[in-house]
C-alpha atoms as a PDB file:
ATOM      1  CA  MET A   1     -23.899  -5.674  40.803  1.00  0.00           C
ATOM      2  CA  LYS A   2     -26.112  -5.243  37.741  1.00  0.00           C
ATOM      3  CA  PHE A   3     -24.428  -1.897  37.070  1.00  0.00           C
ATOM      4  CA  LEU A   4     -20.983  -3.492  37.167  1.00  0.00           C
ATOM      5  CA  ALA A   5     -22.078  -6.302  34.845  1.00  0.00           C
ATOM      6  CA  MET A   6     -23.583  -3.751  32.423  1.00  0.00           C
ATOM      7  CA  CYS A   7     -20.350  -1.702  32.408  1.00  0.00           C
ATOM      8  CA  LEU A   8     -18.338  -4.844  31.722  1.00  0.00           C
ATOM      9  CA  VAL A   9     -20.587  -5.844  28.805  1.00  0.00           C
ATOM     10  CA  LEU A  10     -20.450  -2.343  27.311  1.00  0.00           C
ATOM     11  CA  SER A  11     -16.669  -2.120  27.600  1.00  0.00           C
ATOM     12  CA  MET A  12     -16.269  -5.526  25.920  1.00  0.00           C
ATOM     13  CA  ALA A  13     -18.572  -4.461  23.084  1.00  0.00           C
ATOM     14  CA  PHE A  14     -16.610  -1.236  22.634  1.00  0.00           C
ATOM     15  CA  ALA A  15     -13.284  -3.103  22.607  1.00  0.00           C
ATOM     16  CA  ALA A  16     -14.605  -5.563  20.008  1.00  0.00           C
ATOM     17  CA  ALA A  17     -15.691  -2.681  17.780  1.00  0.00           C
ATOM     18  CA  VAL A  18     -12.286  -1.009  18.040  1.00  0.00           C
ATOM     19  CA  PHE A  19     -10.350  -4.189  17.276  1.00  0.00           C
ATOM     20  CA  SER A  20     -12.584  -5.077  14.314  1.00  0.00           C
ATOM     21  CA  ALA A  21     -11.830  -1.671  12.743  1.00  0.00           C
ATOM     22  CA  VAL A  22      -8.060  -2.285  12.757  1.00  0.00           C
ATOM     23  CA  ASP A  23      -6.669  -3.195   9.320  1.00  0.00           C
ATOM     24  CA  THR A  24      -5.017  -6.609   9.495  1.00  0.00           C
ATOM     25  CA  SER A  25      -4.168  -7.064   5.792  1.00  0.00           C
ATOM     26  CA  PRO A  26      -0.618  -8.368   5.432  1.00  0.00           C
ATOM     27  CA  MET A  27       1.751  -6.058   3.609  1.00  0.00           C
ATOM     28  CA  THR A  28       4.273  -7.040   0.959  1.00  0.00           C
ATOM     29  CA  THR A  29       7.369  -5.159  -0.172  1.00  0.00           C
ATOM     30  CA  ALA A  30       8.810  -5.427  -3.678  1.00  0.00           C
ATOM     31  CA  ALA A  31      11.384  -3.610  -5.827  1.00  0.00           C
ATOM     32  CA  GLY A  32      11.589  -2.961  -9.542  1.00  0.00           C
ATOM     33  CA  ARG A  33      11.171  -0.373 -12.288  1.00  0.00           C
ATOM     34  CA  ILE A  34       8.003   1.378 -13.389  1.00  0.00           C
ATOM     35  CA  ALA A  35       6.892  -0.118 -16.711  1.00  0.00           C
ATOM     36  CA  SER A  36       3.824   2.092 -17.203  1.00  0.00           C
ATOM     37  CA  ILE A  37       1.620   4.621 -15.428  1.00  0.00           C
ATOM     38  CA  ASP A  38      -2.141   5.041 -15.938  1.00  0.00           C
ATOM     39  CA  SER A  39      -3.145   8.385 -14.416  1.00  0.00           C
ATOM     40  CA  ASP A  40      -6.821   7.873 -15.329  1.00  0.00           C
ATOM     41  CA  ALA A  41      -6.977   4.586 -13.405  1.00  0.00           C
ATOM     42  CA  ASN A  42      -4.627   5.868 -10.670  1.00  0.00           C
ATOM     43  CA  SER A  43      -2.420   2.813 -11.152  1.00  0.00           C
ATOM     44  CA  LEU A  44       0.983   1.701 -12.341  1.00  0.00           C
ATOM     45  CA  VAL A  45       2.714  -1.459 -13.514  1.00  0.00           C
ATOM     46  CA  VAL A  46       6.078  -2.396 -12.028  1.00  0.00           C
ATOM     47  CA  LYS A  47       8.541  -4.884 -13.541  1.00  0.00           C
ATOM     48  CA  LEU A  48       9.760  -6.718 -10.454  1.00  0.00           C
ATOM     49  CA  ASP A  49      13.259  -8.002  -9.935  1.00  0.00           C
ATOM     50  CA  ALA A  50      12.519 -11.700  -9.496  1.00  0.00           C
ATOM     51  CA  PRO A  51      14.835 -14.550  -8.545  1.00  0.00           C
ATOM     52  CA  LYS A  52      16.550 -16.551 -11.296  1.00  0.00           C
ATOM     53  CA  GLY A  53      16.361 -13.611 -13.717  1.00  0.00           C
ATOM     54  CA  ASP A  54      12.611 -13.963 -14.185  1.00  0.00           C
ATOM     55  CA  VAL A  55      10.689 -10.735 -14.735  1.00  0.00           C
ATOM     56  CA  MET A  56       7.209 -10.314 -13.338  1.00  0.00           C
ATOM     57  CA  ASP A  57       4.754  -7.457 -13.901  1.00  0.00           C
ATOM     58  CA  LEU A  58       2.783  -6.234 -10.898  1.00  0.00           C
ATOM     59  CA  THR A  59      -0.178  -3.878 -11.244  1.00  0.00           C
ATOM     60  CA  LEU A  60      -0.651  -1.541  -8.280  1.00  0.00           C
ATOM     61  CA  VAL A  61      -3.401   0.938  -7.414  1.00  0.00           C
ATOM     62  CA  VAL A  62      -2.765   4.293  -5.728  1.00  0.00           C
ATOM     63  CA  ALA A  63      -5.243   4.951  -2.901  1.00  0.00           C
ATOM     64  CA  ASP A  64      -6.102   8.306  -1.321  1.00  0.00           C
ATOM     65  CA  ASP A  65      -3.835   7.508   1.635  1.00  0.00           C
ATOM     66  CA  SER A  66      -0.910   6.073  -0.394  1.00  0.00           C
ATOM     67  CA  LYS A  67       2.420   7.829   0.191  1.00  0.00           C
ATOM     68  CA  ILE A  68       4.865   8.439  -2.660  1.00  0.00           C
ATOM     69  CA  ILE A  69       8.297   9.698  -1.568  1.00  0.00           C
ATOM     70  CA  LYS A  70      10.927  11.017  -4.003  1.00  0.00           C
ATOM     71  CA  ASN A  71      14.089  12.803  -2.871  1.00  0.00           C
ATOM     72  CA  GLY A  72      12.710  12.984   0.663  1.00  0.00           C
ATOM     73  CA  ALA A  73       9.496  14.766  -0.339  1.00  0.00           C
ATOM     74  CA  THR A  74       5.952  13.561  -0.842  1.00  0.00           C
ATOM     75  CA  VAL A  75       5.012  13.689  -4.533  1.00  0.00           C
ATOM     76  CA  ALA A  76       2.032  12.802  -6.724  1.00  0.00           C
ATOM     77  CA  LEU A  77       1.683   9.886  -9.136  1.00  0.00           C
ATOM     78  CA  SER A  78       2.157  12.374 -11.981  1.00  0.00           C
ATOM     79  CA  ASP A  79       5.694  13.082 -10.693  1.00  0.00           C
ATOM     80  CA  LEU A  80       6.778   9.506 -11.419  1.00  0.00           C
ATOM     81  CA  LYS A  81       8.002   8.372 -14.816  1.00  0.00           C
ATOM     82  CA  GLN A  82       8.507   5.144 -16.712  1.00  0.00           C
ATOM     83  CA  GLY A  83      11.844   3.593 -15.771  1.00  0.00           C
ATOM     84  CA  ASP A  84      11.967   4.993 -12.215  1.00  0.00           C
ATOM     85  CA  LYS A  85      13.439   2.442  -9.819  1.00  0.00           C
ATOM     86  CA  ILE A  86      11.139   2.022  -6.821  1.00  0.00           C
ATOM     87  CA  THR A  87      10.544   0.040  -3.673  1.00  0.00           C
ATOM     88  CA  VAL A  88       6.852  -0.376  -2.953  1.00  0.00           C
ATOM     89  CA  THR A  89       4.919  -1.660   0.047  1.00  0.00           C
ATOM     90  CA  TYR A  90       1.389  -2.779  -0.787  1.00  0.00           C
ATOM     91  CA  LYS A  91      -1.504  -4.851   0.499  1.00  0.00           C
ATOM     92  CA  SER A  92      -4.244  -6.829  -1.163  1.00  0.00           C
ATOM     93  CA  GLU A  93      -7.732  -5.309  -0.868  1.00  0.00           C
ATOM     94  CA  ASP A  94     -10.769  -6.539  -2.792  1.00  0.00           C
ATOM     95  CA  GLY A  95      -8.550  -8.335  -5.307  1.00  0.00           C
ATOM     96  CA  LYS A  96      -6.348  -5.297  -5.993  1.00  0.00           C
ATOM     97  CA  ASN A  97      -2.788  -4.529  -4.932  1.00  0.00           C
ATOM     98  CA  VAL A  98      -3.181  -1.213  -3.099  1.00  0.00           C
ATOM     99  CA  ILE A  99      -0.084   0.900  -2.480  1.00  0.00           C
ATOM    100  CA  VAL A 100       0.759   1.787   1.111  1.00  0.00           C
ATOM    101  CA  ASN A 101       3.943   3.635   0.160  1.00  0.00           C
ATOM    102  CA  ILE A 102       6.477   4.003  -2.636  1.00  0.00           C
ATOM    103  CA  GLY A 103      10.087   5.049  -2.275  1.00  0.00           C
ATOM    104  CA  VAL A 104      11.685   6.287  -5.509  1.00  0.00           C
ATOM    105  CA  ASP A 105      15.419   5.700  -5.914  1.00  0.00           C
ATOM    106  CA  SER A 106      17.001   9.167  -6.074  1.00  0.00           C
ATOM    107  CA  LYS A 107      19.415   8.032  -8.801  1.00  0.00           C
ATOM    108  CA  THR A 108      16.674   7.678 -11.439  1.00  0.00           C
END
């Protein structure tokens, strides 16, 4: 009986550790044009298409696991240029907007 109780406690502790490691940050998707790129800071600023004709700048940081897709291929931040039309999915981490993925419109 003690063995069964010990196995149950250990499995619950293991499950808690696994679930606490899962990233639960909500993701946001936005679209706009790249206003500027800072390769040194690994970041970019996007002018978002906002309702009512308002324009909003959003600063985003490229992480090691961020995906940038252009013409169906994975590319680097250096392959993007000012004026590219993009759709970006990002999440907030430590007060920064961290890119999950970017899709570049193939017409730009």
